[in-house]
N, C-alpha and C. Protein backbone atom coordinates (compact mmCIF):
# COMPACT_ATOMS: atom_id res chain seq x y z
N MET A 1 0.96 -1.21 0.06
CA MET A 1 -0.03 0.18 0.05
C MET A 1 0.85 1.38 -0.08
N LYS A 2 0.57 2.08 -1.02
CA LYS A 2 1.29 3.50 -1.12
C LYS A 2 0.54 4.56 -0.58
N ARG A 3 1.14 5.81 -0.08
CA ARG A 3 0.23 6.82 0.41
C ARG A 3 1.20 7.95 0.12
N PHE A 4 0.97 8.66 -0.96
CA PHE A 4 1.68 10.12 -1.16
C PHE A 4 1.05 11.05 -0.41
N PHE A 5 1.77 12.11 0.19
CA PHE A 5 1.29 13.04 1.24
C PHE A 5 2.02 14.45 1.13
N LYS A 6 1.27 15.29 1.65
CA LYS A 6 1.80 16.77 1.75
C LYS A 6 1.40 17.51 3.08
N PRO A 7 2.23 17.46 4.00
CA PRO A 7 1.77 17.76 5.56
C PRO A 7 1.30 19.34 5.34
N ALA A 8 0.22 19.43 6.15
CA ALA A 8 -0.24 20.74 6.29
C ALA A 8 0.67 21.75 6.70
N ARG A 9 1.59 21.47 7.53
CA ARG A 9 2.67 22.34 8.27
C ARG A 9 3.78 22.92 7.55
N ILE A 10 3.70 22.48 6.14
CA ILE A 10 4.84 23.09 5.20
C ILE A 10 4.27 23.81 4.34
N ALA A 11 4.84 24.93 4.07
CA ALA A 11 4.29 26.05 3.14
C ALA A 11 4.68 25.59 1.58
N TRP A 12 5.65 25.10 1.41
CA TRP A 12 6.02 24.85 -0.14
C TRP A 12 5.56 23.58 -0.68
N SER A 13 5.04 23.66 -1.70
CA SER A 13 4.59 22.35 -2.38
C SER A 13 4.44 22.90 -4.06
N ALA A 14 5.26 22.30 -4.76
CA ALA A 14 5.30 22.57 -6.24
C ALA A 14 4.23 21.77 -6.92
N PRO A 15 3.48 22.41 -7.95
CA PRO A 15 2.35 21.45 -8.60
C PRO A 15 2.98 20.19 -9.02
N GLY A 16 2.14 19.19 -8.76
CA GLY A 16 2.52 17.94 -9.25
C GLY A 16 3.40 17.06 -8.55
N LEU A 17 3.92 17.83 -7.29
CA LEU A 17 4.83 17.23 -6.67
C LEU A 17 4.40 16.78 -5.14
N THR A 18 4.95 15.75 -4.52
CA THR A 18 4.58 15.42 -3.19
C THR A 18 5.91 15.45 -2.26
N HIS A 19 5.48 15.81 -0.99
CA HIS A 19 6.63 15.78 0.00
C HIS A 19 7.01 14.50 0.38
N GLY A 20 6.26 13.37 0.51
CA GLY A 20 6.55 12.09 0.80
C GLY A 20 5.84 10.94 0.33
N LEU A 21 6.23 9.81 0.38
CA LEU A 21 5.83 8.54 -0.05
C LEU A 21 5.85 7.51 1.19
N ALA A 22 4.87 7.30 1.47
CA ALA A 22 4.96 6.15 2.60
C ALA A 22 4.30 4.84 2.13
N HIS A 23 5.04 3.58 2.28
CA HIS A 23 4.54 2.37 2.01
C HIS A 23 4.73 1.35 2.96
N GLY A 24 3.92 0.45 2.79
CA GLY A 24 3.95 -0.85 3.83
C GLY A 24 2.42 -0.83 4.65
N PRO A 25 2.25 -1.88 5.12
CA PRO A 25 1.04 -1.75 5.85
C PRO A 25 0.84 -0.81 6.84
N VAL A 26 1.99 -0.64 7.67
CA VAL A 26 1.91 0.68 8.69
C VAL A 26 3.19 1.65 8.39
N PHE A 27 3.32 1.71 7.15
CA PHE A 27 4.32 2.86 6.72
C PHE A 27 5.65 2.48 7.20
N LYS A 28 6.25 1.19 6.87
CA LYS A 28 7.46 0.69 7.18
C LYS A 28 8.35 1.41 6.42
N ARG A 29 8.37 2.15 5.36
CA ARG A 29 9.45 3.01 4.75
C ARG A 29 8.71 4.09 4.40
N LEU A 30 9.48 5.36 4.32
CA LEU A 30 9.19 6.68 3.90
C LEU A 30 10.24 7.19 3.21
N LEU A 31 9.76 7.54 1.99
CA LEU A 31 10.69 8.44 1.10
C LEU A 31 10.25 9.98 1.29
N ILE A 32 11.44 10.84 1.50
CA ILE A 32 11.00 12.22 1.50
C ILE A 32 11.63 13.03 0.57
N SER A 33 10.90 13.77 -0.23
CA SER A 33 11.36 14.72 -1.20
C SER A 33 12.33 15.74 -0.70
N GLY A 34 12.88 16.42 -1.69
CA GLY A 34 13.89 17.28 -1.11
C GLY A 34 13.20 18.60 -0.54
N GLN A 35 13.46 18.87 0.76
CA GLN A 35 12.99 19.96 1.65
C GLN A 35 13.58 21.31 1.55
N PRO A 36 13.13 22.23 1.13
CA PRO A 36 13.94 23.70 1.05
C PRO A 36 13.91 24.32 2.43
N GLY A 37 14.63 25.21 2.52
CA GLY A 37 14.53 26.08 3.99
C GLY A 37 13.55 27.16 3.88
N VAL A 38 12.34 26.72 3.84
CA VAL A 38 11.35 27.73 3.70
C VAL A 38 10.29 27.59 4.79
N ASP A 39 9.71 28.63 5.58
CA ASP A 39 9.00 28.30 6.87
C ASP A 39 7.60 28.38 6.40
N GLU A 40 6.75 28.13 7.45
CA GLU A 40 5.42 27.63 7.08
C GLU A 40 4.60 28.61 6.46
N ALA A 41 5.07 30.10 6.44
CA ALA A 41 4.40 31.02 5.68
C ALA A 41 4.89 31.09 4.42
N GLY A 42 5.90 30.52 3.98
CA GLY A 42 6.57 30.75 2.80
C GLY A 42 7.67 31.30 2.49
N ALA A 43 8.03 32.16 3.65
CA ALA A 43 9.29 32.88 3.71
C ALA A 43 10.58 32.09 3.67
N VAL A 44 11.53 32.69 3.04
CA VAL A 44 12.99 32.25 2.86
C VAL A 44 13.90 33.05 3.48
N PRO A 45 14.66 32.75 4.57
CA PRO A 45 15.64 33.56 5.03
C PRO A 45 16.88 33.57 4.04
N ALA A 46 17.53 34.91 4.30
CA ALA A 46 18.64 34.93 3.28
C ALA A 46 19.92 34.09 3.91
N GLU A 47 19.87 33.90 5.37
CA GLU A 47 21.04 33.29 6.10
C GLU A 47 21.13 31.81 5.57
N LEU A 48 22.35 31.22 5.31
CA LEU A 48 22.09 29.72 4.83
C LEU A 48 21.96 28.86 6.16
N GLU A 49 22.61 29.32 7.16
CA GLU A 49 22.47 28.51 8.51
C GLU A 49 20.72 28.33 8.60
N ALA A 50 20.09 29.33 8.52
CA ALA A 50 18.87 29.61 8.88
C ALA A 50 18.05 28.56 7.91
N GLN A 51 18.25 28.57 6.57
CA GLN A 51 17.71 27.78 5.91
C GLN A 51 17.85 26.29 5.91
N ILE A 52 19.18 25.99 6.42
CA ILE A 52 19.56 24.51 6.77
C ILE A 52 18.62 24.05 7.85
N GLY A 53 18.38 24.88 8.81
CA GLY A 53 17.71 24.78 10.19
C GLY A 53 16.15 24.52 9.61
N LEU A 54 15.53 25.17 8.77
CA LEU A 54 14.33 25.16 8.18
C LEU A 54 14.23 23.86 7.44
N ALA A 55 15.14 23.56 6.44
CA ALA A 55 15.13 22.26 5.91
C ALA A 55 14.86 21.18 6.56
N PHE A 56 15.94 21.08 7.68
CA PHE A 56 15.87 20.03 8.50
C PHE A 56 14.37 19.85 9.22
N ASP A 57 13.68 21.14 9.63
CA ASP A 57 12.44 21.07 10.26
C ASP A 57 11.48 20.54 9.47
N ASN A 58 11.51 21.08 8.08
CA ASN A 58 10.49 20.48 7.06
C ASN A 58 10.71 18.82 6.98
N LEU A 59 12.04 18.31 6.86
CA LEU A 59 12.29 17.18 6.83
C LEU A 59 11.63 16.40 7.72
N LEU A 60 11.66 16.77 9.13
CA LEU A 60 11.22 16.27 10.34
C LEU A 60 9.62 16.24 10.35
N LYS A 61 9.03 17.27 9.68
CA LYS A 61 7.71 17.34 9.64
C LYS A 61 7.23 16.49 8.81
N VAL A 62 7.75 16.13 7.81
CA VAL A 62 7.44 14.93 6.70
C VAL A 62 7.35 13.62 7.44
N VAL A 63 8.64 13.33 8.33
CA VAL A 63 8.88 12.29 8.99
C VAL A 63 7.50 11.99 9.97
N GLU A 64 7.11 12.93 10.75
CA GLU A 64 6.06 12.87 11.50
C GLU A 64 4.76 12.69 10.90
N ALA A 65 4.60 13.29 9.83
CA ALA A 65 3.31 13.20 9.19
C ALA A 65 3.26 11.72 8.49
N GLY A 66 4.57 11.10 8.18
CA GLY A 66 4.55 9.75 7.71
C GLY A 66 4.28 8.77 8.88
N GLN A 67 3.90 9.27 10.07
CA GLN A 67 3.78 8.37 11.23
C GLN A 67 5.22 7.64 11.72
N MET A 68 6.17 8.56 11.53
CA MET A 68 7.51 7.98 12.11
C MET A 68 8.11 9.03 12.94
N ALA A 69 9.35 8.64 13.44
CA ALA A 69 9.95 9.37 14.24
C ALA A 69 11.43 9.82 13.76
N ALA A 70 12.04 10.72 14.12
CA ALA A 70 13.51 11.05 13.69
C ALA A 70 14.19 9.95 13.79
N GLU A 71 14.17 8.99 14.71
CA GLU A 71 14.89 7.72 15.12
C GLU A 71 14.79 6.79 13.81
N ASP A 72 13.78 6.99 13.09
CA ASP A 72 13.67 6.06 11.96
C ASP A 72 14.36 6.54 10.67
N LEU A 73 14.91 7.70 10.81
CA LEU A 73 15.63 8.26 9.53
C LEU A 73 16.83 7.43 9.35
N VAL A 74 17.01 6.87 8.14
CA VAL A 74 18.23 5.99 7.69
C VAL A 74 19.17 6.57 6.85
N ARG A 75 18.70 7.67 5.98
CA ARG A 75 19.31 8.28 4.92
C ARG A 75 18.95 9.66 4.83
N ILE A 76 19.86 10.58 4.51
CA ILE A 76 19.84 11.99 4.13
C ILE A 76 20.64 12.45 3.01
N VAL A 77 20.13 13.05 2.12
CA VAL A 77 20.95 13.69 1.16
C VAL A 77 20.65 15.32 1.07
N ALA A 78 21.64 15.96 1.21
CA ALA A 78 21.93 17.40 1.29
C ALA A 78 22.43 17.90 0.00
N TYR A 79 21.65 18.75 -0.56
CA TYR A 79 22.13 19.68 -1.66
C TYR A 79 22.37 21.06 -1.33
N VAL A 80 23.40 21.85 -1.31
CA VAL A 80 23.68 22.89 -0.70
C VAL A 80 24.45 23.87 -1.82
N ALA A 81 23.69 25.03 -2.13
CA ALA A 81 24.19 26.02 -3.14
C ALA A 81 25.08 27.03 -2.40
N ALA A 82 26.16 26.56 -1.82
CA ALA A 82 27.06 27.40 -1.31
C ALA A 82 28.48 26.73 -1.17
N PRO A 83 29.53 27.34 -1.80
CA PRO A 83 30.72 26.57 -1.73
C PRO A 83 31.34 26.53 -0.25
N ARG A 84 31.96 25.29 -0.01
CA ARG A 84 32.72 25.01 1.32
C ARG A 84 31.75 25.22 2.43
N ALA A 85 30.48 24.97 2.50
CA ALA A 85 29.61 25.10 3.44
C ALA A 85 29.13 24.08 4.46
N TYR A 86 30.08 22.91 4.22
CA TYR A 86 29.85 21.73 4.98
C TYR A 86 29.82 22.00 6.69
N ALA A 87 30.87 22.82 6.98
CA ALA A 87 30.83 23.02 8.51
C ALA A 87 29.60 23.56 8.94
N VAL A 88 28.91 24.50 8.29
CA VAL A 88 27.86 25.02 8.67
C VAL A 88 26.68 24.09 8.55
N PHE A 89 26.49 23.06 7.52
CA PHE A 89 25.68 22.24 7.58
C PHE A 89 25.83 21.08 8.57
N ASP A 90 27.19 20.72 8.76
CA ASP A 90 27.21 19.71 9.77
C ASP A 90 26.57 20.31 11.19
N ARG A 91 27.03 21.48 11.62
CA ARG A 91 26.77 22.02 12.76
C ARG A 91 25.10 22.03 13.05
N VAL A 92 24.53 22.36 11.98
CA VAL A 92 22.93 22.52 12.08
C VAL A 92 22.43 21.08 12.29
N ARG A 93 23.15 20.13 11.43
CA ARG A 93 22.46 18.87 11.24
C ARG A 93 22.67 18.12 13.01
N ALA A 94 23.78 18.50 13.36
CA ALA A 94 24.03 17.84 14.90
C ALA A 94 22.94 18.63 15.91
N LEU A 95 22.56 19.90 15.50
CA LEU A 95 21.44 20.45 16.34
C LEU A 95 19.98 20.01 16.35
N LYS A 96 19.90 19.63 14.90
CA LYS A 96 18.61 19.02 14.71
C LYS A 96 18.56 17.72 14.69
N LEU A 97 19.59 16.83 14.59
CA LEU A 97 19.43 15.27 14.64
C LEU A 97 19.98 14.75 15.94
N GLY A 98 20.89 15.58 16.69
CA GLY A 98 21.69 15.16 17.87
C GLY A 98 22.47 14.06 17.47
N ALA A 99 22.42 12.94 18.33
CA ALA A 99 23.19 11.61 18.11
C ALA A 99 22.91 10.80 17.04
N LEU A 100 21.73 11.05 16.33
CA LEU A 100 21.43 10.21 15.16
C LEU A 100 22.41 10.29 14.15
N THR A 101 22.61 9.02 13.45
CA THR A 101 23.65 9.19 12.40
C THR A 101 23.19 8.28 11.23
N PRO A 102 22.07 8.97 10.55
CA PRO A 102 21.62 8.29 9.38
C PRO A 102 22.72 8.35 8.35
N VAL A 103 22.94 7.39 7.38
CA VAL A 103 23.99 7.56 6.36
C VAL A 103 23.57 9.10 5.72
N ALA A 104 24.64 9.57 5.03
CA ALA A 104 24.48 10.94 4.71
C ALA A 104 25.23 11.22 3.32
N THR A 105 24.85 11.93 2.61
CA THR A 105 25.55 12.57 1.31
C THR A 105 25.50 13.98 1.22
N TYR A 106 26.49 14.77 1.05
CA TYR A 106 26.47 16.04 1.02
C TYR A 106 26.88 16.72 -0.33
N VAL A 107 25.86 17.13 -1.10
CA VAL A 107 26.30 17.78 -2.46
C VAL A 107 26.44 19.09 -2.56
N GLU A 108 27.54 19.75 -3.36
CA GLU A 108 27.45 21.20 -3.54
C GLU A 108 26.88 21.29 -4.91
N ALA A 109 25.55 22.08 -4.83
CA ALA A 109 24.84 22.31 -6.18
C ALA A 109 25.08 23.80 -6.53
N THR A 110 24.63 23.84 -7.89
CA THR A 110 24.86 25.27 -8.24
C THR A 110 23.44 26.18 -8.25
N GLY A 111 22.27 25.46 -7.85
CA GLY A 111 21.22 26.29 -7.85
C GLY A 111 19.91 25.53 -7.92
N PHE A 112 18.73 25.91 -7.43
CA PHE A 112 17.63 25.18 -7.46
C PHE A 112 16.41 25.99 -8.26
N SER A 113 15.25 25.35 -8.21
CA SER A 113 14.22 26.11 -9.03
C SER A 113 13.79 27.50 -8.58
N ASP A 114 14.02 27.70 -7.14
CA ASP A 114 13.76 28.97 -6.80
C ASP A 114 14.96 29.54 -6.34
N SER A 115 15.31 30.68 -6.99
CA SER A 115 16.87 31.28 -6.87
C SER A 115 17.00 31.82 -5.39
N ARG A 116 15.95 31.87 -4.35
CA ARG A 116 16.26 32.19 -2.95
C ARG A 116 16.75 31.19 -2.23
N TRP A 117 16.45 29.72 -2.78
CA TRP A 117 16.66 28.57 -2.03
C TRP A 117 18.26 28.30 -2.13
N ARG A 118 19.08 27.90 -1.02
CA ARG A 118 20.33 27.41 -0.93
C ARG A 118 20.72 26.12 -0.56
N VAL A 119 19.58 25.38 -0.02
CA VAL A 119 19.65 24.20 0.25
C VAL A 119 18.20 23.41 0.15
N LEU A 120 18.42 21.94 -0.20
CA LEU A 120 17.36 21.10 -0.28
C LEU A 120 17.77 19.94 0.50
N ILE A 121 17.12 19.11 1.34
CA ILE A 121 17.58 18.06 2.13
C ILE A 121 16.53 16.92 1.74
N GLU A 122 16.71 15.78 1.30
CA GLU A 122 15.67 14.69 1.11
C GLU A 122 16.28 13.49 2.06
N GLY A 123 15.34 12.75 2.32
CA GLY A 123 15.67 11.51 3.18
C GLY A 123 14.83 10.16 3.04
N GLU A 124 15.00 9.38 3.78
CA GLU A 124 14.53 8.13 3.95
C GLU A 124 14.42 7.64 5.25
N ALA A 125 13.02 7.24 5.67
CA ALA A 125 13.09 6.61 7.17
C ALA A 125 12.47 5.28 7.02
N VAL A 126 12.97 4.54 7.97
CA VAL A 126 12.43 3.07 7.84
C VAL A 126 12.31 2.61 9.19
N ARG A 127 11.07 1.85 9.54
CA ARG A 127 10.87 1.44 10.75
C ARG A 127 10.74 -0.28 10.94
N ASP A 128 11.48 -0.78 11.67
CA ASP A 128 11.35 -2.24 11.79
C ASP A 128 10.15 -2.75 12.70
N ASP A 129 9.50 -3.42 11.97
CA ASP A 129 8.36 -3.68 12.96
C ASP A 129 8.37 -4.98 13.51
N GLY A 130 9.60 -5.63 13.56
CA GLY A 130 9.84 -6.74 14.20
C GLY A 130 9.41 -7.98 13.48
N SER A 131 9.25 -8.04 12.30
CA SER A 131 8.68 -9.23 11.19
C SER A 131 9.88 -9.71 10.39
């Protein structure tokens, strides 16, 4: 069983796209579309660190809407349109995820569909139901 969804507490949603895909009888696997650093009102802060924080907040909102928890995150991929910004990304990741260590990929990108965006973070969450 598949369920595509767009959480109500996230402002951005491009036409024809979805924020997440949950599948399995109790949503054992959740795929999360790239989440930009945009707040609930649709505002995009100019500062990279603030955008990274919002992108993580949005990612975690999709995890919650998919009936999972941050501890279920197994993979994140960050696309950052700022050169040599890994230290900033890693600092914010540690604040938002704490001791959680999903596998991760960090990519320096040249830009996104909205020129104000400087980061997109996508992910995957898996819940072991014991079967």
